[in-house]
N, C-alpha and C. Protein backbone atom coordinates (compact mmCIF):
# COMPACT_ATOMS: atom_id res chain seq x y z
N MET A 1 6.47 -32.32 -44.33
CA MET A 1 7.02 -32.52 -43.01
C MET A 1 6.23 -31.66 -42.02
N LEU A 2 5.74 -32.23 -40.93
CA LEU A 2 4.97 -31.53 -39.91
C LEU A 2 5.87 -31.15 -38.75
N TYR A 3 5.70 -29.91 -38.33
CA TYR A 3 6.45 -29.42 -37.17
C TYR A 3 5.53 -29.42 -35.96
N SER A 4 6.08 -29.75 -34.84
CA SER A 4 5.27 -29.72 -33.62
C SER A 4 6.04 -28.92 -32.56
N ILE A 5 5.28 -28.26 -31.74
CA ILE A 5 5.86 -27.47 -30.66
C ILE A 5 5.96 -28.38 -29.44
N THR A 6 7.14 -28.51 -28.92
CA THR A 6 7.33 -29.43 -27.79
C THR A 6 7.56 -28.68 -26.47
N PHE A 7 7.35 -27.37 -26.47
CA PHE A 7 7.56 -26.62 -25.24
C PHE A 7 6.48 -26.91 -24.21
N TRP A 8 5.24 -27.03 -24.64
CA TRP A 8 4.11 -27.18 -23.72
C TRP A 8 3.89 -28.63 -23.32
N THR A 9 4.92 -29.26 -22.87
CA THR A 9 4.77 -30.64 -22.38
C THR A 9 4.49 -30.61 -20.89
N ASN A 10 4.03 -31.72 -20.37
CA ASN A 10 3.71 -31.79 -18.94
C ASN A 10 4.95 -31.60 -18.08
N ASP A 11 6.08 -32.13 -18.53
CA ASP A 11 7.32 -31.99 -17.76
C ASP A 11 7.76 -30.52 -17.71
N ASN A 12 7.70 -29.83 -18.85
CA ASN A 12 8.11 -28.43 -18.87
C ASN A 12 7.17 -27.56 -18.04
N MET A 13 5.88 -27.83 -18.10
CA MET A 13 4.93 -27.04 -17.32
C MET A 13 5.11 -27.31 -15.83
N ALA A 14 5.39 -28.55 -15.45
CA ALA A 14 5.63 -28.88 -14.04
C ALA A 14 6.88 -28.16 -13.54
N LYS A 15 7.94 -28.12 -14.35
CA LYS A 15 9.16 -27.42 -13.98
C LYS A 15 8.90 -25.92 -13.85
N PHE A 16 8.10 -25.36 -14.77
CA PHE A 16 7.76 -23.94 -14.73
C PHE A 16 7.02 -23.60 -13.43
N TRP A 17 6.01 -24.39 -13.06
CA TRP A 17 5.25 -24.11 -11.85
C TRP A 17 6.08 -24.35 -10.60
N ASP A 18 7.06 -25.24 -10.65
CA ASP A 18 7.98 -25.39 -9.53
C ASP A 18 8.81 -24.12 -9.34
N TYR A 19 9.28 -23.53 -10.45
CA TYR A 19 10.02 -22.27 -10.37
C TYR A 19 9.14 -21.15 -9.82
N VAL A 20 7.91 -21.08 -10.27
CA VAL A 20 6.99 -20.04 -9.79
C VAL A 20 6.75 -20.21 -8.30
N GLN A 21 6.54 -21.43 -7.86
CA GLN A 21 6.31 -21.69 -6.44
C GLN A 21 7.54 -21.30 -5.62
N MET A 22 8.73 -21.63 -6.10
CA MET A 22 9.95 -21.27 -5.39
C MET A 22 10.09 -19.75 -5.28
N LEU A 23 9.82 -19.03 -6.37
CA LEU A 23 9.91 -17.57 -6.34
C LEU A 23 8.92 -16.97 -5.35
N LEU A 24 7.69 -17.47 -5.36
CA LEU A 24 6.68 -16.93 -4.46
C LEU A 24 7.02 -17.21 -3.00
N GLU A 25 7.57 -18.38 -2.73
CA GLU A 25 7.91 -18.71 -1.34
C GLU A 25 9.11 -17.92 -0.85
N THR A 26 10.04 -17.58 -1.71
CA THR A 26 11.22 -16.86 -1.26
C THR A 26 11.04 -15.35 -1.27
N ILE A 27 10.23 -14.82 -2.17
CA ILE A 27 10.05 -13.37 -2.28
C ILE A 27 8.91 -12.86 -1.41
N GLN A 28 7.94 -13.69 -1.11
CA GLN A 28 6.74 -13.26 -0.40
C GLN A 28 7.02 -12.57 0.94
N PRO A 29 7.91 -13.06 1.81
CA PRO A 29 8.12 -12.35 3.08
C PRO A 29 8.65 -10.93 2.88
N GLY A 30 9.53 -10.73 1.92
CA GLY A 30 10.04 -9.38 1.67
C GLY A 30 8.96 -8.45 1.18
N ILE A 31 8.11 -8.94 0.31
CA ILE A 31 7.02 -8.11 -0.20
C ILE A 31 6.04 -7.77 0.92
N MET A 32 5.73 -8.75 1.76
CA MET A 32 4.79 -8.51 2.86
C MET A 32 5.36 -7.50 3.85
N LEU A 33 6.66 -7.61 4.17
CA LEU A 33 7.27 -6.65 5.09
C LEU A 33 7.28 -5.24 4.49
N THR A 34 7.59 -5.13 3.22
CA THR A 34 7.60 -3.82 2.57
C THR A 34 6.22 -3.18 2.59
N VAL A 35 5.21 -3.94 2.24
CA VAL A 35 3.83 -3.42 2.24
C VAL A 35 3.41 -3.03 3.66
N ALA A 36 3.78 -3.84 4.64
CA ALA A 36 3.41 -3.54 6.02
C ALA A 36 4.06 -2.25 6.50
N ILE A 37 5.33 -2.04 6.17
CA ILE A 37 6.03 -0.82 6.59
C ILE A 37 5.41 0.40 5.94
N VAL A 38 5.07 0.31 4.66
CA VAL A 38 4.44 1.45 3.97
C VAL A 38 3.08 1.76 4.58
N LEU A 39 2.29 0.73 4.85
CA LEU A 39 0.95 0.96 5.42
C LEU A 39 1.02 1.52 6.83
N VAL A 40 1.97 1.08 7.64
CA VAL A 40 2.12 1.65 8.97
C VAL A 40 2.50 3.12 8.88
N GLY A 41 3.37 3.47 7.93
CA GLY A 41 3.72 4.87 7.74
C GLY A 41 2.51 5.71 7.35
N LEU A 42 1.69 5.18 6.47
CA LEU A 42 0.47 5.92 6.08
C LEU A 42 -0.50 6.04 7.25
N LEU A 43 -0.63 4.99 8.05
CA LEU A 43 -1.53 5.02 9.19
C LEU A 43 -1.08 6.03 10.23
N ILE A 44 0.22 6.10 10.47
CA ILE A 44 0.74 7.09 11.43
C ILE A 44 0.44 8.50 10.93
N GLY A 45 0.59 8.74 9.63
CA GLY A 45 0.26 10.05 9.08
C GLY A 45 -1.19 10.42 9.28
N VAL A 46 -2.08 9.47 9.08
CA VAL A 46 -3.52 9.73 9.27
C VAL A 46 -3.81 10.03 10.73
N ILE A 47 -3.21 9.29 11.64
CA ILE A 47 -3.45 9.51 13.07
C ILE A 47 -2.93 10.89 13.49
N VAL A 48 -1.74 11.25 13.04
CA VAL A 48 -1.17 12.56 13.40
C VAL A 48 -2.04 13.68 12.85
N ARG A 49 -2.49 13.55 11.60
CA ARG A 49 -3.34 14.61 11.02
C ARG A 49 -4.67 14.72 11.76
N SER A 50 -5.22 13.60 12.21
CA SER A 50 -6.51 13.67 12.91
C SER A 50 -6.37 14.38 14.25
N PHE A 51 -5.28 14.11 15.00
CA PHE A 51 -5.08 14.82 16.26
C PHE A 51 -4.75 16.28 16.03
N LYS A 52 -4.00 16.58 15.00
CA LYS A 52 -3.66 17.96 14.68
C LYS A 52 -4.92 18.74 14.31
N LYS A 53 -5.81 18.11 13.57
CA LYS A 53 -7.04 18.77 13.17
C LYS A 53 -7.93 19.05 14.38
N THR A 54 -8.00 18.13 15.34
CA THR A 54 -8.84 18.36 16.51
C THR A 54 -8.27 19.50 17.36
N GLU A 55 -6.94 19.64 17.44
CA GLU A 55 -6.36 20.75 18.18
C GLU A 55 -6.67 22.08 17.50
N ASP A 56 -6.60 22.11 16.17
CA ASP A 56 -6.94 23.33 15.44
C ASP A 56 -8.41 23.67 15.61
N ASP A 57 -9.27 22.67 15.64
CA ASP A 57 -10.70 22.92 15.83
C ASP A 57 -10.99 23.49 17.22
N GLU A 58 -10.24 23.01 18.23
CA GLU A 58 -10.46 23.53 19.58
C GLU A 58 -10.01 24.98 19.69
N ASN A 59 -8.92 25.33 19.02
CA ASN A 59 -8.42 26.70 19.08
C ASN A 59 -9.31 27.66 18.31
N ASN A 60 -9.91 27.23 17.26
CA ASN A 60 -10.72 28.10 16.41
C ASN A 60 -12.22 27.85 16.60
N ASP A 61 -12.59 27.38 17.76
CA ASP A 61 -14.00 27.04 17.99
C ASP A 61 -14.73 28.26 18.54
N ARG A 62 -15.20 29.11 17.63
CA ARG A 62 -15.95 30.30 18.02
C ARG A 62 -17.35 30.20 17.42
N ASP A 63 -18.30 30.66 18.22
CA ASP A 63 -19.67 30.67 17.74
C ASP A 63 -20.04 32.01 17.12
N TYR A 64 -19.14 32.94 17.15
CA TYR A 64 -19.43 34.27 16.61
C TYR A 64 -18.26 34.73 15.75
N GLU A 65 -18.53 35.72 14.96
CA GLU A 65 -17.52 36.26 14.08
C GLU A 65 -17.37 37.75 14.36
N ILE A 66 -16.15 38.19 14.48
CA ILE A 66 -15.88 39.60 14.77
C ILE A 66 -15.38 40.25 13.49
N ARG A 67 -16.04 41.35 13.11
CA ARG A 67 -15.60 42.13 11.95
C ARG A 67 -15.39 43.57 12.40
N ARG A 68 -14.28 44.12 12.04
CA ARG A 68 -13.97 45.49 12.41
C ARG A 68 -13.73 46.25 11.12
N TYR A 69 -14.43 47.36 11.02
CA TYR A 69 -14.32 48.21 9.83
C TYR A 69 -13.63 49.51 10.20
N ASN A 70 -12.70 49.93 9.42
CA ASN A 70 -12.02 51.22 9.64
C ASN A 70 -12.78 52.32 8.93
N ARG A 71 -12.99 53.45 9.60
CA ARG A 71 -13.68 54.58 8.96
C ARG A 71 -12.73 55.68 8.64
């Protein structure tokens, strides 16, 4: 007696890809919004650090170094 696997039929694969398409169409906006919010947060952090660094550079912008030794 020969056994055959009937799961991989064209009808079952078509139903599977319909489910995948439905999931991607319904979940995709949420994923895109989540990724966008995270990236905007990271971008704001980079911008704030860059301005903070330029302010620190302006305050510590000396062309000479002062050393004082106690005797």
